[in-house]
Amino acid sequence: MTEAVTTPSPFEPPLPPGKPGGPAAGITPGDIRDGAAVALVTAVAGVLLGLLWAWLAPRAQYVSNGEAVFLRSSESEARIGADGTFFLLSLGFGVLSAVLVFLWRRRGGVPLVVGLVIGSGFAALAGWRLGLWLGPSADVAAAALKAGKGVPFDAPLQLLARGVLLVWPMVAVAVHLGLTALWSPQDPDPADAADPAWGIYPPPHVHASPPQDPSAPEPPRG
């Protein structure tokens, strides 16, 4: 009993050398480990985001009249400033993480991008929750009672625009893809790599003798 042998079609382009399995074979276990390392380190960096946000965000202040709690200044921009501070910090962390990942693995790859997305998304969430925890107490009634009537006290941190949580992952992916497209080493064209003369300059045919017509008479031999 014989096995059927499939003859490759002459119209199919040859596979690049060293990658017999096609595009899926380009992802190795080492690439997956690199992506997991990027996700882990980026997620841990969310602690630094939370610390900086709790430290740098402007504070809105409340005041109590003994019966209710009001904003000390209704025209204060501190509540919006907390969102702006988180936005700017996330923007900076996104650019920094993308540059560091690119410098670490210049060739890029899908696992690195996936790890960057997962890690930065978790870091933004962790930084937000950590900043709330480190900031003033969320129990406004207890804080007003402790401060006393007519004495201003800091309001808890708030993130009014939850969309800023996406700034870090979006900026990180965009910057990393841009750096990879501009400066990463490019793989050779499979069709060119299959040519034995690929990489030789000038090609052998440049200085080759012109082809002769078989019907032309032979030159006299003296």
Protein backbone atom coordinates (compact mmCIF):
# COMPACT_ATOMS: atom_id res chain seq x y z
CA MET A 1 0.00 0.00 0.00
CA THR A 2 1.57 3.29 -1.07
CA GLU A 3 1.07 6.76 0.30
CA ALA A 4 -0.17 9.58 -1.88
CA VAL A 5 2.44 12.21 -2.57
CA THR A 6 1.24 15.75 -3.10
CA THR A 7 3.25 17.68 -5.62
CA PRO A 8 3.61 21.36 -4.70
CA SER A 9 2.02 23.74 -7.14
CA PRO A 10 4.49 25.76 -9.24
CA PHE A 11 2.29 28.82 -8.68
CA GLU A 12 2.74 28.80 -4.89
CA PRO A 13 5.57 31.03 -3.58
CA PRO A 14 8.37 29.17 -1.80
CA LEU A 15 8.43 29.26 1.99
CA PRO A 16 11.20 31.32 3.62
CA PRO A 17 14.18 29.29 4.80
CA GLY A 18 14.09 28.24 8.43
CA LYS A 19 10.28 28.66 8.72
CA PRO A 20 8.76 25.53 7.20
CA GLY A 21 5.45 25.94 8.99
CA GLY A 22 4.44 29.32 7.59
CA PRO A 23 3.56 32.43 9.60
CA ALA A 24 2.26 30.57 12.67
CA ALA A 25 5.64 28.90 13.10
CA GLY A 26 7.26 32.30 13.67
CA ILE A 27 5.95 32.49 17.30
CA THR A 28 8.26 30.50 19.54
CA PRO A 29 7.99 29.63 23.23
CA GLY A 30 10.65 32.27 23.85
CA ASP A 31 8.41 34.91 22.26
CA ILE A 32 5.54 33.87 24.52
CA ARG A 33 7.79 34.11 27.58
CA ASP A 34 8.88 37.59 26.49
CA GLY A 35 5.25 38.67 26.14
CA ALA A 36 4.42 37.32 29.60
CA ALA A 37 7.42 39.15 31.08
CA VAL A 38 6.30 42.41 29.44
CA ALA A 39 2.78 41.99 30.85
CA LEU A 40 4.07 41.27 34.36
CA VAL A 41 6.58 44.14 34.55
CA THR A 42 4.14 46.63 33.01
CA ALA A 43 1.39 45.61 35.42
CA VAL A 44 3.71 46.14 38.41
CA ALA A 45 4.45 49.65 37.12
CA GLY A 46 0.83 50.51 37.90
CA VAL A 47 1.88 50.86 41.55
CA LEU A 48 4.06 53.81 40.56
CA LEU A 49 1.16 55.35 38.65
CA GLY A 50 -1.05 55.16 41.72
CA LEU A 51 1.60 56.69 43.98
CA LEU A 52 2.25 59.59 41.62
CA TRP A 53 -1.45 60.24 41.06
CA ALA A 54 -2.19 60.35 44.79
CA TRP A 55 0.77 62.70 45.28
CA LEU A 56 0.37 65.07 42.32
CA ALA A 57 -3.41 65.29 41.83
CA PRO A 58 -4.93 68.58 43.05
CA ARG A 59 -7.28 68.33 46.00
CA ALA A 60 -10.84 69.56 46.04
CA GLN A 61 -12.02 70.67 49.47
CA TYR A 62 -15.34 70.26 51.25
CA VAL A 63 -16.76 72.19 54.16
CA SER A 64 -19.57 71.29 56.52
CA ASN A 65 -22.15 73.53 58.11
CA GLY A 66 -23.07 70.90 60.67
CA GLU A 67 -25.95 69.52 58.62
CA ALA A 68 -24.61 69.04 55.06
CA VAL A 69 -21.33 69.03 53.17
CA PHE A 70 -20.59 71.44 50.33
CA LEU A 71 -17.73 72.20 48.01
CA ARG A 72 -15.63 74.95 49.53
CA SER A 73 -15.32 76.62 46.11
CA SER A 74 -17.86 75.82 43.44
CA GLU A 75 -15.48 77.22 40.81
CA SER A 76 -12.58 74.98 41.79
CA GLU A 77 -11.07 72.95 38.95
CA ALA A 78 -9.44 70.44 41.28
CA ARG A 79 -11.94 67.70 40.44
CA ILE A 80 -11.15 67.99 36.73
CA GLY A 81 -7.47 68.39 37.57
CA ALA A 82 -7.42 64.91 39.08
CA ASP A 83 -8.55 63.49 35.72
CA GLY A 84 -6.00 65.60 33.87
CA THR A 85 -3.19 64.44 36.14
CA PHE A 86 -4.12 60.80 35.61
CA PHE A 87 -4.29 61.39 31.85
CA LEU A 88 -0.83 62.97 31.67
CA LEU A 89 0.73 60.30 33.87
CA SER A 90 -0.84 57.54 31.78
CA LEU A 91 0.40 59.22 28.61
CA GLY A 92 3.95 59.35 29.94
CA PHE A 93 3.87 55.77 31.19
CA GLY A 94 2.49 54.59 27.85
CA VAL A 95 5.31 56.21 25.87
CA LEU A 96 7.97 55.04 28.34
CA SER A 97 6.78 51.43 28.44
CA ALA A 98 6.59 51.24 24.64
CA VAL A 99 10.12 52.62 24.21
CA LEU A 100 11.57 50.27 26.83
CA VAL A 101 9.91 47.21 25.30
CA PHE A 102 11.15 48.20 21.85
CA LEU A 103 14.72 48.71 23.08
CA TRP A 104 14.57 45.33 24.84
CA ARG A 105 13.25 43.39 21.82
CA ARG A 106 13.66 45.43 18.66
CA ARG A 107 12.23 42.72 16.40
CA GLY A 108 8.74 43.25 17.85
CA GLY A 109 6.13 40.55 17.47
CA VAL A 110 2.54 39.76 18.38
CA PRO A 111 3.31 38.36 21.88
CA LEU A 112 5.05 41.58 22.88
CA VAL A 113 2.10 43.69 21.75
CA VAL A 114 -0.39 41.44 23.53
CA GLY A 115 1.69 41.51 26.70
CA LEU A 116 1.92 45.29 26.48
CA VAL A 117 -1.86 45.63 26.12
CA ILE A 118 -2.69 43.29 28.99
CA GLY A 119 -0.02 44.67 31.31
CA SER A 120 -0.77 48.33 30.69
CA GLY A 121 -4.52 47.81 31.01
CA PHE A 122 -4.08 46.10 34.36
CA ALA A 123 -1.57 48.77 35.44
CA ALA A 124 -4.07 51.56 34.73
CA LEU A 125 -6.73 49.82 36.81
CA ALA A 126 -4.30 49.09 39.64
CA GLY A 127 -3.00 52.66 39.65
CA TRP A 128 -6.54 54.05 39.79
CA ARG A 129 -7.60 51.86 42.71
CA LEU A 130 -4.34 52.40 44.57
CA GLY A 131 -4.63 56.17 44.18
CA LEU A 132 -8.15 56.12 45.61
CA TRP A 133 -6.94 54.05 48.54
CA LEU A 134 -3.95 56.30 49.25
CA GLY A 135 -5.96 59.51 48.92
CA PRO A 136 -8.30 61.10 51.44
CA SER A 137 -10.95 58.91 53.01
CA ALA A 138 -14.04 58.20 50.94
CA ASP A 139 -16.22 58.47 54.07
CA VAL A 140 -17.14 62.14 53.65
CA ALA A 141 -19.48 62.20 56.66
CA ALA A 142 -16.81 60.89 59.02
CA ALA A 143 -14.23 63.30 57.58
CA ALA A 144 -16.62 66.25 58.05
CA LEU A 145 -17.34 65.22 61.63
CA LYS A 146 -13.64 64.93 62.36
CA ALA A 147 -12.81 68.31 60.79
CA GLY A 148 -15.61 70.17 62.54
CA LYS A 149 -18.14 72.79 61.48
CA GLY A 150 -16.83 75.34 59.00
CA VAL A 151 -13.40 73.71 58.73
CA PRO A 152 -12.41 72.70 55.17
CA PHE A 153 -11.11 69.19 54.53
CA ASP A 154 -9.84 67.32 51.46
CA ALA A 155 -12.35 65.52 49.30
CA PRO A 156 -11.58 61.96 48.18
CA LEU A 157 -9.90 61.44 44.83
CA GLN A 158 -12.28 60.77 41.96
CA LEU A 159 -11.84 59.79 38.34
CA LEU A 160 -14.81 61.39 36.61
CA ALA A 161 -13.80 60.40 33.05
CA ARG A 162 -13.26 56.64 33.16
CA GLY A 163 -12.07 56.72 29.56
CA VAL A 164 -8.62 57.87 30.71
CA LEU A 165 -8.05 54.30 31.90
CA LEU A 166 -7.52 53.39 28.24
CA VAL A 167 -4.85 56.02 27.64
CA TRP A 168 -1.89 53.92 28.80
CA PRO A 169 -2.64 50.78 26.70
CA MET A 170 -3.64 52.78 23.61
CA VAL A 171 -0.57 55.01 23.68
CA ALA A 172 1.76 52.10 24.45
CA VAL A 173 0.53 50.02 21.52
CA ALA A 174 0.54 52.95 19.09
CA VAL A 175 4.07 54.05 19.99
CA HIS A 176 5.44 50.50 19.98
CA LEU A 177 3.95 49.71 16.58
CA GLY A 178 5.31 52.96 15.19
CA LEU A 179 8.82 52.27 16.50
CA THR A 180 8.69 48.71 15.20
CA ALA A 181 7.58 49.83 11.75
CA LEU A 182 10.33 52.45 11.51
CA TRP A 183 13.38 50.85 13.08
CA SER A 184 12.92 47.10 13.53
CA PRO A 185 15.01 44.75 11.33
CA GLN A 186 13.02 43.65 8.30
CA ASP A 187 12.80 40.00 7.24
CA PRO A 188 13.92 39.22 3.67
CA ASP A 189 11.36 38.56 0.98
CA PRO A 190 10.82 34.77 0.74
CA ALA A 191 11.04 34.91 -3.06
CA ASP A 192 14.35 36.75 -2.86
CA ALA A 193 15.72 34.48 -0.14
CA ALA A 194 15.08 31.44 -2.33
CA ASP A 195 17.32 32.92 -5.05
CA PRO A 196 20.94 31.63 -4.69
CA ALA A 197 22.21 35.03 -5.87
CA TRP A 198 20.22 36.94 -3.23
CA GLY A 199 22.40 39.28 -1.23
CA ILE A 200 25.17 39.43 -3.88
CA TYR A 201 25.86 42.83 -5.37
CA PRO A 202 26.03 43.28 -8.23
CA PRO A 203 23.99 40.27 -9.36
CA PRO A 204 25.84 37.75 -11.54
CA HIS A 205 23.82 38.64 -14.64
CA VAL A 206 25.11 42.22 -14.67
CA HIS A 207 28.54 41.32 -16.04
CA ALA A 208 27.51 38.11 -17.80
CA SER A 209 28.09 37.66 -21.53
CA PRO A 210 25.08 38.46 -23.70
CA PRO A 211 23.21 35.42 -24.98
CA GLN A 212 24.10 34.38 -28.51
CA ASP A 213 21.64 33.59 -31.28
CA PRO A 214 21.97 29.89 -32.24
CA SER A 215 21.18 30.72 -35.87
CA ALA A 216 23.96 33.27 -36.17
CA PRO A 217 27.11 32.16 -38.02
CA GLU A 218 30.10 31.31 -35.92
CA PRO A 219 32.96 33.83 -36.00
CA PRO A 220 35.99 32.75 -38.06
CA ARG A 221 38.76 31.13 -36.20
CA GLY A 222 42.22 32.38 -37.15
